[in-house]
PDB file of all heavy atoms in Angstrom:
ATOM      1  N   SER A   1      27.809 258.342 205.510  1.00  0.00           N
ATOM      2  CA  SER A   1      28.082 258.842 204.193  1.00  0.00           C
ATOM      3  C   SER A   1      27.467 257.724 203.198  1.00  0.00           C
ATOM      4  O   SER A   1      27.083 256.573 203.546  1.00  0.00           O
ATOM      5  CB  SER A   1      29.513 259.015 203.901  1.00  0.00           C
ATOM      6  OG  SER A   1      30.275 257.785 204.044  1.00  0.00           O
ATOM      7  N   ARG A   2      27.387 258.156 201.964  1.00  0.00           N
ATOM      8  CA  ARG A   2      26.815 257.221 200.946  1.00  0.00           C
ATOM      9  C   ARG A   2      27.454 257.479 199.664  1.00  0.00           C
ATOM     10  O   ARG A   2      27.870 258.551 199.273  1.00  0.00           O
ATOM     11  CB  ARG A   2      25.273 257.303 200.869  1.00  0.00           C
ATOM     12  CG  ARG A   2      24.837 258.691 200.239  1.00  0.00           C
ATOM     13  CD  ARG A   2      23.274 258.774 200.380  1.00  0.00           C
ATOM     14  NE  ARG A   2      22.534 257.786 199.577  1.00  0.00           N
ATOM     15  CZ  ARG A   2      21.284 257.489 199.753  1.00  0.00           C
ATOM     16  NH1 ARG A   2      20.624 258.087 200.697  1.00  0.00           N
ATOM     17  NH2 ARG A   2      20.729 256.536 198.989  1.00  0.00           N
ATOM     18  N   ASP A   3      27.519 256.381 198.876  1.00  0.00           N
ATOM     19  CA  ASP A   3      28.064 256.465 197.483  1.00  0.00           C
ATOM     20  C   ASP A   3      26.947 255.813 196.655  1.00  0.00           C
ATOM     21  O   ASP A   3      26.890 254.544 196.385  1.00  0.00           O
ATOM     22  CB  ASP A   3      29.371 255.585 197.348  1.00  0.00           C
ATOM     23  CG  ASP A   3      30.069 255.723 196.090  1.00  0.00           C
ATOM     24  OD1 ASP A   3      29.494 256.082 195.030  1.00  0.00           O
ATOM     25  OD2 ASP A   3      31.261 255.445 196.013  1.00  0.00           O
ATOM     26  N   ASN A   4      26.120 256.713 196.052  1.00  0.00           N
ATOM     27  CA  ASN A   4      25.036 256.242 195.182  1.00  0.00           C
ATOM     28  C   ASN A   4      25.414 255.276 193.967  1.00  0.00           C
ATOM     29  O   ASN A   4      24.813 254.390 193.767  1.00  0.00           O
ATOM     30  CB  ASN A   4      24.181 257.351 194.747  1.00  0.00           C
ATOM     31  CG  ASN A   4      23.309 257.898 195.937  1.00  0.00           C
ATOM     32  OD1 ASN A   4      23.159 257.241 197.066  1.00  0.00           O
ATOM     33  ND2 ASN A   4      22.688 258.934 195.718  1.00  0.00           N
ATOM     34  N   PRO A   5      26.448 255.677 193.217  1.00  0.00           N
ATOM     35  CA  PRO A   5      26.879 254.761 192.167  1.00  0.00           C
ATOM     36  C   PRO A   5      27.265 253.411 192.602  1.00  0.00           C
ATOM     37  O   PRO A   5      27.041 252.468 191.844  1.00  0.00           O
ATOM     38  CB  PRO A   5      28.112 255.565 191.529  1.00  0.00           C
ATOM     39  CG  PRO A   5      27.819 256.943 191.860  1.00  0.00           C
ATOM     40  CD  PRO A   5      27.206 256.905 193.238  1.00  0.00           C
ATOM     41  N   LYS A   6      27.639 253.263 193.878  1.00  0.00           N
ATOM     42  CA  LYS A   6      28.094 251.964 194.392  1.00  0.00           C
ATOM     43  C   LYS A   6      26.847 251.330 195.142  1.00  0.00           C
ATOM     44  O   LYS A   6      27.073 250.258 195.725  1.00  0.00           O
ATOM     45  CB  LYS A   6      29.253 252.066 195.234  1.00  0.00           C
ATOM     46  CG  LYS A   6      30.497 252.362 194.448  1.00  0.00           C
ATOM     47  CD  LYS A   6      31.720 252.353 195.318  1.00  0.00           C
ATOM     48  CE  LYS A   6      32.991 252.611 194.557  1.00  0.00           C
ATOM     49  NZ  LYS A   6      33.312 251.741 193.497  1.00  0.00           N
ATOM     50  N   ASN A   7      25.742 251.998 195.390  1.00  0.00           N
ATOM     51  CA  ASN A   7      24.587 251.556 196.069  1.00  0.00           C
ATOM     52  C   ASN A   7      25.018 251.134 197.526  1.00  0.00           C
ATOM     53  O   ASN A   7      24.670 250.115 198.014  1.00  0.00           O
ATOM     54  CB  ASN A   7      23.941 250.410 195.358  1.00  0.00           C
ATOM     55  CG  ASN A   7      23.134 250.785 194.170  1.00  0.00           C
ATOM     56  OD1 ASN A   7      23.065 251.883 193.800  1.00  0.00           O
ATOM     57  ND2 ASN A   7      22.530 249.837 193.537  1.00  0.00           N
ATOM     58  N   THR A   8      25.871 251.987 198.162  1.00  0.00           N
ATOM     59  CA  THR A   8      26.388 251.621 199.430  1.00  0.00           C
ATOM     60  C   THR A   8      26.294 252.840 200.419  1.00  0.00           C
ATOM     61  O   THR A   8      26.567 254.004 200.026  1.00  0.00           O
ATOM     62  CB  THR A   8      27.828 251.174 199.262  1.00  0.00           C
ATOM     63  OG1 THR A   8      27.941 250.115 198.347  1.00  0.00           O
ATOM     64  CG2 THR A   8      28.429 250.875 200.637  1.00  0.00           C
ATOM     65  N   VAL A   9      25.937 252.562 201.679  1.00  0.00           N
ATOM     66  CA  VAL A   9      25.987 253.490 202.647  1.00  0.00           C
ATOM     67  C   VAL A   9      26.977 253.128 203.730  1.00  0.00           C
ATOM     68  O   VAL A   9      27.185 251.817 203.884  1.00  0.00           O
ATOM     69  CB  VAL A   9      24.645 253.714 203.298  1.00  0.00           C
ATOM     70  CG1 VAL A   9      24.076 252.513 203.992  1.00  0.00           C
ATOM     71  CG2 VAL A   9      24.643 254.933 204.330  1.00  0.00           C
ATOM     72  N   TYR A  10      27.623 254.083 204.314  1.00  0.00           N
ATOM     73  CA  TYR A  10      28.738 253.755 205.362  1.00  0.00           C
ATOM     74  C   TYR A  10      28.459 254.371 206.617  1.00  0.00           C
ATOM     75  O   TYR A  10      27.816 255.421 206.766  1.00  0.00           O
ATOM     76  CB  TYR A  10      30.113 254.197 204.837  1.00  0.00           C
ATOM     77  CG  TYR A  10      30.454 253.779 203.418  1.00  0.00           C
ATOM     78  CD1 TYR A  10      30.143 254.550 202.381  1.00  0.00           C
ATOM     79  CD2 TYR A  10      31.133 252.539 203.285  1.00  0.00           C
ATOM     80  CE1 TYR A  10      30.603 254.136 201.057  1.00  0.00           C
ATOM     81  CE2 TYR A  10      31.439 252.095 202.009  1.00  0.00           C
ATOM     82  CZ  TYR A  10      31.155 252.899 200.891  1.00  0.00           C
ATOM     83  OH  TYR A  10      31.560 252.402 199.716  1.00  0.00           O
ATOM     84  N   LEU A  11      28.940 253.815 207.693  1.00  0.00           N
ATOM     85  CA  LEU A  11      29.037 254.372 209.045  1.00  0.00           C
ATOM     86  C   LEU A  11      30.455 254.192 209.621  1.00  0.00           C
ATOM     87  O   LEU A  11      30.942 253.164 209.878  1.00  0.00           O
ATOM     88  CB  LEU A  11      28.028 253.670 209.856  1.00  0.00           C
ATOM     89  CG  LEU A  11      27.924 254.210 211.332  1.00  0.00           C
ATOM     90  CD1 LEU A  11      27.219 255.596 211.304  1.00  0.00           C
ATOM     91  CD2 LEU A  11      27.203 253.336 212.239  1.00  0.00           C
ATOM     92  N   GLN A  12      31.089 255.391 209.757  1.00  0.00           N
ATOM     93  CA  GLN A  12      32.388 255.380 210.347  1.00  0.00           C
ATOM     94  C   GLN A  12      32.189 255.766 211.796  1.00  0.00           C
ATOM     95  O   GLN A  12      31.532 256.646 212.162  1.00  0.00           O
ATOM     96  CB  GLN A  12      33.268 256.554 209.689  1.00  0.00           C
ATOM     97  CG  GLN A  12      34.610 256.796 210.379  1.00  0.00           C
ATOM     98  CD  GLN A  12      35.597 255.737 210.014  1.00  0.00           C
ATOM     99  OE1 GLN A  12      35.578 255.150 208.866  1.00  0.00           O
ATOM    100  NE2 GLN A  12      36.358 255.200 210.992  1.00  0.00           N
ATOM    101  N   MET A  13      32.881 254.843 212.659  1.00  0.00           N
ATOM    102  CA  MET A  13      32.740 254.999 214.100  1.00  0.00           C
ATOM    103  C   MET A  13      34.170 255.091 214.642  1.00  0.00           C
ATOM    104  O   MET A  13      34.927 254.298 214.473  1.00  0.00           O
ATOM    105  CB  MET A  13      32.007 253.767 214.682  1.00  0.00           C
ATOM    106  CG  MET A  13      30.585 253.628 214.177  1.00  0.00           C
ATOM    107  SD  MET A  13      29.574 252.372 215.068  1.00  0.00           S
ATOM    108  CE  MET A  13      30.538 250.878 214.589  1.00  0.00           C
ATOM    109  N   ASN A  14      34.230 256.084 215.437  1.00  0.00           N
ATOM    110  CA  ASN A  14      35.505 256.381 216.142  1.00  0.00           C
ATOM    111  C   ASN A  14      35.390 256.421 217.672  1.00  0.00           C
ATOM    112  O   ASN A  14      34.324 256.623 218.054  1.00  0.00           O
ATOM    113  CB  ASN A  14      36.214 257.729 215.672  1.00  0.00           C
ATOM    114  CG  ASN A  14      36.438 257.744 214.206  1.00  0.00           C
ATOM    115  OD1 ASN A  14      36.806 256.651 213.511  1.00  0.00           O
ATOM    116  ND2 ASN A  14      36.143 258.873 213.524  1.00  0.00           N
ATOM    117  N   SER A  15      36.538 256.377 218.357  1.00  0.00           N
ATOM    118  CA  SER A  15      36.554 256.409 219.793  1.00  0.00           C
ATOM    119  C   SER A  15      35.532 255.520 220.447  1.00  0.00           C
ATOM    120  O   SER A  15      34.681 255.896 221.258  1.00  0.00           O
ATOM    121  CB  SER A  15      36.228 257.949 220.328  1.00  0.00           C
ATOM    122  OG  SER A  15      37.251 258.758 219.722  1.00  0.00           O
ATOM    123  N   LEU A  16      35.497 254.280 220.017  1.00  0.00           N
ATOM    124  CA  LEU A  16      34.440 253.299 220.419  1.00  0.00           C
ATOM    125  C   LEU A  16      34.547 252.984 221.905  1.00  0.00           C
ATOM    126  O   LEU A  16      35.640 252.906 222.459  1.00  0.00           O
ATOM    127  CB  LEU A  16      34.557 251.990 219.473  1.00  0.00           C
ATOM    128  CG  LEU A  16      34.049 252.209 218.110  1.00  0.00           C
ATOM    129  CD1 LEU A  16      34.619 251.080 217.287  1.00  0.00           C
ATOM    130  CD2 LEU A  16      32.590 252.190 218.097  1.00  0.00           C
ATOM    131  N   LYS A  17      33.386 252.770 222.492  1.00  0.00           N
ATOM    132  CA  LYS A  17      33.234 252.495 223.825  1.00  0.00           C
ATOM    133  C   LYS A  17      32.572 251.119 223.996  1.00  0.00           C
ATOM    134  O   LYS A  17      31.936 250.569 223.134  1.00  0.00           O
ATOM    135  CB  LYS A  17      32.450 253.564 224.621  1.00  0.00           C
ATOM    136  CG  LYS A  17      32.966 254.965 224.415  1.00  0.00           C
ATOM    137  CD  LYS A  17      31.949 255.946 225.013  1.00  0.00           C
ATOM    138  CE  LYS A  17      32.357 257.332 224.702  1.00  0.00           C
ATOM    139  NZ  LYS A  17      31.464 258.352 225.321  1.00  0.00           N
ATOM    140  N   PRO A  18      32.798 250.473 225.214  1.00  0.00           N
ATOM    141  CA  PRO A  18      32.084 249.139 225.399  1.00  0.00           C
ATOM    142  C   PRO A  18      30.677 249.229 225.231  1.00  0.00           C
ATOM    143  O   PRO A  18      30.016 248.228 224.789  1.00  0.00           O
ATOM    144  CB  PRO A  18      32.587 248.784 226.737  1.00  0.00           C
ATOM    145  CG  PRO A  18      33.897 249.422 227.004  1.00  0.00           C
ATOM    146  CD  PRO A  18      33.799 250.722 226.204  1.00  0.00           C
ATOM    147  N   ASP A  19      30.000 250.331 225.588  1.00  0.00           N
ATOM    148  CA  ASP A  19      28.544 250.444 225.506  1.00  0.00           C
ATOM    149  C   ASP A  19      28.025 250.670 223.977  1.00  0.00           C
ATOM    150  O   ASP A  19      26.900 250.828 223.756  1.00  0.00           O
ATOM    151  CB  ASP A  19      27.961 251.478 226.523  1.00  0.00           C
ATOM    152  CG  ASP A  19      28.512 252.823 226.174  1.00  0.00           C
ATOM    153  OD1 ASP A  19      29.345 253.019 225.342  1.00  0.00           O
ATOM    154  OD2 ASP A  19      28.079 253.732 227.077  1.00  0.00           O
ATOM    155  N   ASP A  20      29.059 250.806 223.141  1.00  0.00           N
ATOM    156  CA  ASP A  20      28.722 250.716 221.627  1.00  0.00           C
ATOM    157  C   ASP A  20      28.467 249.340 221.152  1.00  0.00           C
ATOM    158  O   ASP A  20      28.072 249.141 220.018  1.00  0.00           O
ATOM    159  CB  ASP A  20      29.860 251.390 220.846  1.00  0.00           C
ATOM    160  CG  ASP A  20      29.947 252.881 221.103  1.00  0.00           C
ATOM    161  OD1 ASP A  20      28.908 253.565 221.248  1.00  0.00           O
ATOM    162  OD2 ASP A  20      30.976 253.382 221.142  1.00  0.00           O
ATOM    163  N   THR A  21      28.790 248.285 222.038  1.00  0.00           N
ATOM    164  CA  THR A  21      28.537 246.919 221.691  1.00  0.00           C
ATOM    165  C   THR A  21      27.052 246.714 221.246  1.00  0.00           C
ATOM    166  O   THR A  21      26.234 246.911 222.101  1.00  0.00           O
ATOM    167  CB  THR A  21      29.071 245.991 222.677  1.00  0.00           C
ATOM    168  OG1 THR A  21      30.442 246.108 222.923  1.00  0.00           O
ATOM    169  CG2 THR A  21      28.668 244.583 222.370  1.00  0.00           C
ATOM    170  N   ALA A  22      26.803 246.199 220.084  1.00  0.00           N
ATOM    171  CA  ALA A  22      25.398 245.992 219.603  1.00  0.00           C
ATOM    172  C   ALA A  22      25.468 245.433 218.229  1.00  0.00           C
ATOM    173  O   ALA A  22      26.462 245.372 217.562  1.00  0.00           O
ATOM    174  CB  ALA A  22      24.626 247.344 219.599  1.00  0.00           C
ATOM    175  N   VAL A  23      24.333 245.042 217.798  1.00  0.00           N
ATOM    176  CA  VAL A  23      24.097 244.552 216.432  1.00  0.00           C
ATOM    177  C   VAL A  23      23.672 245.867 215.634  1.00  0.00           C
ATOM    178  O   VAL A  23      22.682 246.578 216.139  1.00  0.00           O
ATOM    179  CB  VAL A  23      23.034 243.549 216.292  1.00  0.00           C
ATOM    180  CG1 VAL A  23      22.850 243.250 214.725  1.00  0.00           C
ATOM    181  CG2 VAL A  23      23.479 242.214 216.957  1.00  0.00           C
ATOM    182  N   TYR A  24      24.368 246.234 214.582  1.00  0.00           N
ATOM    183  CA  TYR A  24      24.070 247.434 213.848  1.00  0.00           C
ATOM    184  C   TYR A  24      23.316 247.098 212.588  1.00  0.00           C
ATOM    185  O   TYR A  24      23.779 246.218 211.846  1.00  0.00           O
ATOM    186  CB  TYR A  24      25.456 248.219 213.509  1.00  0.00           C
ATOM    187  CG  TYR A  24      25.935 248.886 214.736  1.00  0.00           C
ATOM    188  CD1 TYR A  24      26.496 248.173 215.821  1.00  0.00           C
ATOM    189  CD2 TYR A  24      25.851 250.292 214.817  1.00  0.00           C
ATOM    190  CE1 TYR A  24      26.974 248.839 216.856  1.00  0.00           C
ATOM    191  CE2 TYR A  24      26.430 250.925 215.919  1.00  0.00           C
ATOM    192  CZ  TYR A  24      26.902 250.224 216.909  1.00  0.00           C
ATOM    193  OH  TYR A  24      27.489 250.919 218.119  1.00  0.00           O
ATOM    194  N   TYR A  25      22.269 247.795 212.341  1.00  0.00           N
ATOM    195  CA  TYR A  25      21.345 247.512 211.144  1.00  0.00           C
ATOM    196  C   TYR A  25      21.354 248.718 210.223  1.00  0.00           C
ATOM    197  O   TYR A  25      21.259 249.905 210.772  1.00  0.00           O
ATOM    198  CB  TYR A  25      19.981 247.308 211.607  1.00  0.00           C
ATOM    199  CG  TYR A  25      19.829 246.028 212.566  1.00  0.00           C
ATOM    200  CD1 TYR A  25      19.823 246.165 213.897  1.00  0.00           C
ATOM    201  CD2 TYR A  25      19.480 244.723 211.919  1.00  0.00           C
ATOM    202  CE1 TYR A  25      19.774 245.094 214.680  1.00  0.00           C
ATOM    203  CE2 TYR A  25      19.386 243.765 212.781  1.00  0.00           C
ATOM    204  CZ  TYR A  25      19.422 243.897 214.212  1.00  0.00           C
ATOM    205  OH  TYR A  25      19.240 242.764 214.925  1.00  0.00           O
ATOM    206  N   CYS A  26      21.298 248.524 208.985  1.00  0.00           N
ATOM    207  CA  CYS A  26      21.026 249.686 208.082  1.00  0.00           C
ATOM    208  C   CYS A  26      19.587 249.565 207.563  1.00  0.00           C
ATOM    209  O   CYS A  26      19.032 248.417 207.574  1.00  0.00           O
ATOM    210  CB  CYS A  26      22.123 249.730 206.812  1.00  0.00           C
ATOM    211  SG  CYS A  26      21.977 248.337 205.703  1.00  0.00           S
ATOM    212  N   ALA A  27      19.012 250.556 207.128  1.00  0.00           N
ATOM    213  CA  ALA A  27      17.593 250.641 206.731  1.00  0.00           C
ATOM    214  C   ALA A  27      17.427 251.682 205.691  1.00  0.00           C
ATOM    215  O   ALA A  27      18.195 252.649 205.595  1.00  0.00           O
ATOM    216  CB  ALA A  27      16.755 250.916 207.919  1.00  0.00           C
ATOM    217  N   ALA A  28      16.407 251.492 204.796  1.00  0.00           N
ATOM    218  CA  ALA A  28      16.074 252.374 203.699  1.00  0.00           C
ATOM    219  C   ALA A  28      14.704 252.910 203.895  1.00  0.00           C
ATOM    220  O   ALA A  28      13.761 252.248 204.277  1.00  0.00           O
ATOM    221  CB  ALA A  28      16.196 251.562 202.436  1.00  0.00           C
ATOM    222  N   SER A  29      14.635 254.250 203.612  1.00  0.00           N
ATOM    223  CA  SER A  29      13.355 254.970 203.838  1.00  0.00           C
ATOM    224  C   SER A  29      12.876 255.713 202.563  1.00  0.00           C
ATOM    225  O   SER A  29      13.769 256.471 201.983  1.00  0.00           O
ATOM    226  CB  SER A  29      13.394 255.833 204.929  1.00  0.00           C
ATOM    227  OG  SER A  29      12.224 256.796 205.101  1.00  0.00           O
ATOM    228  N   ALA A  30      11.635 255.551 202.114  1.00  0.00           N
ATOM    229  CA  ALA A  30      11.051 256.345 201.107  1.00  0.00           C
ATOM    230  C   ALA A  30      10.251 257.588 201.594  1.00  0.00           C
ATOM    231  O   ALA A  30       9.758 258.325 200.837  1.00  0.00           O
ATOM    232  CB  ALA A  30      10.088 255.447 200.205  1.00  0.00           C
ATOM    233  N   ALA A  31      10.293 257.738 202.930  1.00  0.00           N
ATOM    234  CA  ALA A  31       9.427 258.840 203.547  1.00  0.00           C
ATOM    235  C   ALA A  31       9.899 260.311 203.237  1.00  0.00           C
ATOM    236  O   ALA A  31       9.115 261.153 203.375  1.00  0.00           O
ATOM    237  CB  ALA A  31       9.381 258.545 204.991  1.00  0.00           C
ATOM    238  N   HIS A  32      11.165 260.424 202.793  1.00  0.00           N
ATOM    239  CA  HIS A  32      11.653 261.828 202.459  1.00  0.00           C
ATOM    240  C   HIS A  32      10.968 262.435 201.394  1.00  0.00           C
ATOM    241  O   HIS A  32      10.971 263.696 201.224  1.00  0.00           O
ATOM    242  CB  HIS A  32      13.113 261.716 202.260  1.00  0.00           C
ATOM    243  CG  HIS A  32      13.944 262.743 202.987  1.00  0.00           C
ATOM    244  ND1 HIS A  32      15.174 262.659 203.457  1.00  0.00           N
ATOM    245  CD2 HIS A  32      13.514 264.125 203.218  1.00  0.00           C
ATOM    246  CE1 HIS A  32      15.612 263.779 204.037  1.00  0.00           C
ATOM    247  NE2 HIS A  32      14.679 264.652 203.946  1.00  0.00           N
ATOM    248  N   TYR A  33      10.282 261.623 200.547  1.00  0.00           N
ATOM    249  CA  TYR A  33       9.544 262.253 199.462  1.00  0.00           C
ATOM    250  C   TYR A  33       8.451 263.225 199.995  1.00  0.00           C
ATOM    251  O   TYR A  33       8.032 264.183 199.242  1.00  0.00           O
ATOM    252  CB  TYR A  33       8.875 261.201 198.553  1.00  0.00           C
ATOM    253  CG  TYR A  33       9.767 260.421 197.710  1.00  0.00           C
ATOM    254  CD1 TYR A  33      10.165 259.156 197.926  1.00  0.00           C
ATOM    255  CD2 TYR A  33      10.163 261.029 196.581  1.00  0.00           C
ATOM    256  CE1 TYR A  33      10.973 258.511 196.974  1.00  0.00           C
ATOM    257  CE2 TYR A  33      11.092 260.466 195.631  1.00  0.00           C
ATOM    258  CZ  TYR A  33      11.418 259.108 195.872  1.00  0.00           C
ATOM    259  OH  TYR A  33      12.272 258.437 195.037  1.00  0.00           O
ATOM    260  N   SER A  34       7.914 263.021 201.135  1.00  0.00           N
ATOM    261  CA  SER A  34       6.945 263.918 201.729  1.00  0.00           C
ATOM    262  C   SER A  34       7.394 265.254 202.152  1.00  0.00           C
ATOM    263  O   SER A  34       6.557 266.150 202.357  1.00  0.00           O
ATOM    264  CB  SER A  34       6.271 263.183 203.034  1.00  0.00           C
ATOM    265  OG  SER A  34       7.203 263.173 204.075  1.00  0.00           O
ATOM    266  N   GLY A  35       8.666 265.451 202.245  1.00  0.00           N
ATOM    267  CA  GLY A  35       9.277 266.671 202.747  1.00  0.00           C
ATOM    268  C   GLY A  35       9.321 266.764 204.155  1.00  0.00           C
ATOM    269  O   GLY A  35       9.868 267.750 204.698  1.00  0.00           O
ATOM    270  N   SER A  36       8.805 265.740 204.918  1.00  0.00           N
ATOM    271  CA  SER A  36       8.883 265.685 206.382  1.00  0.00           C
ATOM    272  C   SER A  36       9.469 264.333 206.736  1.00  0.00           C
ATOM    273  O   SER A  36       8.885 263.319 206.450  1.00  0.00           O
ATOM    274  CB  SER A  36       7.516 265.988 207.007  1.00  0.00           C
ATOM    275  OG  SER A  36       7.552 265.902 208.448  1.00  0.00           O
ATOM    276  N   PHE A  37      10.682 264.285 207.287  1.00  0.00           N
ATOM    277  CA  PHE A  37      11.374 263.083 207.586  1.00  0.00           C
ATOM    278  C   PHE A  37      11.799 263.008 209.056  1.00  0.00           C
ATOM    279  O   PHE A  37      12.324 263.884 209.539  1.00  0.00           O
ATOM    280  CB  PHE A  37      12.578 262.947 206.729  1.00  0.00           C
ATOM    281  CG  PHE A  37      13.441 261.746 206.849  1.00  0.00           C
ATOM    282  CD1 PHE A  37      12.885 260.427 206.808  1.00  0.00           C
ATOM    283  CD2 PHE A  37      14.761 261.780 207.110  1.00  0.00           C
ATOM    284  CE1 PHE A  37      13.643 259.330 206.985  1.00  0.00           C
ATOM    285  CE2 PHE A  37      15.526 260.657 207.236  1.00  0.00           C
ATOM    286  CZ  PHE A  37      14.953 259.428 207.156  1.00  0.00           C
ATOM    287  N   TYR A  38      11.406 261.880 209.725  1.00  0.00           N
ATOM    288  CA  TYR A  38      11.731 261.621 211.081  1.00  0.00           C
ATOM    289  C   TYR A  38      12.697 260.512 211.197  1.00  0.00           C
ATOM    290  O   TYR A  38      12.399 259.354 211.264  1.00  0.00           O
ATOM    291  CB  TYR A  38      10.511 261.361 211.900  1.00  0.00           C
ATOM    292  CG  TYR A  38       9.546 262.525 211.915  1.00  0.00           C
ATOM    293  CD1 TYR A  38       8.443 262.499 210.874  1.00  0.00           C
ATOM    294  CD2 TYR A  38       9.573 263.575 212.759  1.00  0.00           C
ATOM    295  CE1 TYR A  38       7.588 263.527 210.835  1.00  0.00           C
ATOM    296  CE2 TYR A  38       8.674 264.586 212.669  1.00  0.00           C
ATOM    297  CZ  TYR A  38       7.646 264.558 211.764  1.00  0.00           C
ATOM    298  OH  TYR A  38       6.754 265.673 211.663  1.00  0.00           O
ATOM    299  N   PRO A  39      14.038 260.868 211.088  1.00  0.00           N
ATOM    300  CA  PRO A  39      15.018 259.864 210.893  1.00  0.00           C
ATOM    301  C   PRO A  39      15.129 258.778 212.085  1.00  0.00           C
ATOM    302  O   PRO A  39      15.668 257.672 211.731  1.00  0.00           O
ATOM    303  CB  PRO A  39      16.349 260.654 210.751  1.00  0.00           C
ATOM    304  CG  PRO A  39      16.084 261.923 211.422  1.00  0.00           C
ATOM    305  CD  PRO A  39      14.570 262.212 211.153  1.00  0.00           C
ATOM    306  N   ASP A  40      14.774 259.222 213.290  1.00  0.00           N
ATOM    307  CA  ASP A  40      14.804 258.298 214.356  1.00  0.00           C
ATOM    308  C   ASP A  40      13.556 257.436 214.557  1.00  0.00           C
ATOM    309  O   ASP A  40      13.617 256.680 215.534  1.00  0.00           O
ATOM    310  CB  ASP A  40      15.105 259.075 215.692  1.00  0.00           C
ATOM    311  CG  ASP A  40      14.078 260.126 215.974  1.00  0.00           C
ATOM    312  OD1 ASP A  40      13.318 260.501 215.040  1.00  0.00           O
ATOM    313  OD2 ASP A  40      14.061 260.582 217.122  1.00  0.00           O
ATOM    314  N   ASP A  41      12.623 257.523 213.649  1.00  0.00           N
ATOM    315  CA  ASP A  41      11.469 256.747 213.730  1.00  0.00           C
ATOM    316  C   ASP A  41      11.534 255.492 212.829  1.00  0.00           C
ATOM    317  O   ASP A  41      11.668 255.583 211.718  1.00  0.00           O
ATOM    318  CB  ASP A  41      10.252 257.604 213.347  1.00  0.00           C
ATOM    319  CG  ASP A  41       8.948 256.940 213.416  1.00  0.00           C
ATOM    320  OD1 ASP A  41       8.840 255.750 213.829  1.00  0.00           O
ATOM    321  OD2 ASP A  41       7.924 257.537 213.207  1.00  0.00           O
ATOM    322  N   ARG A  42      11.571 254.300 213.565  1.00  0.00           N
ATOM    323  CA  ARG A  42      11.667 253.092 212.785  1.00  0.00           C
ATOM    324  C   ARG A  42      10.573 252.958 211.755  1.00  0.00           C
ATOM    325  O   ARG A  42      10.783 252.207 210.699  1.00  0.00           O
ATOM    326  CB  ARG A  42      11.677 251.780 213.793  1.00  0.00           C
ATOM    327  CG  ARG A  42      12.820 251.739 214.600  1.00  0.00           C
ATOM    328  CD  ARG A  42      12.598 250.509 215.477  1.00  0.00           C
ATOM    329  NE  ARG A  42      12.614 249.253 214.668  1.00  0.00           N
ATOM    330  CZ  ARG A  42      12.245 248.088 215.102  1.00  0.00           C
ATOM    331  NH1 ARG A  42      11.929 247.983 216.347  1.00  0.00           N
ATOM    332  NH2 ARG A  42      12.270 247.052 214.291  1.00  0.00           N
TER     333      ARG A  42
END
């Protein structure tokens, strides 16, 4: 989810498993302006 007035994006994670252990990164993309967005592409 995101709160644009607060310039913040959130990730709620439930039912966590040991294999969820990782470093989590957030990222910003300007690519959506093209009308074609590949969200899983770094």
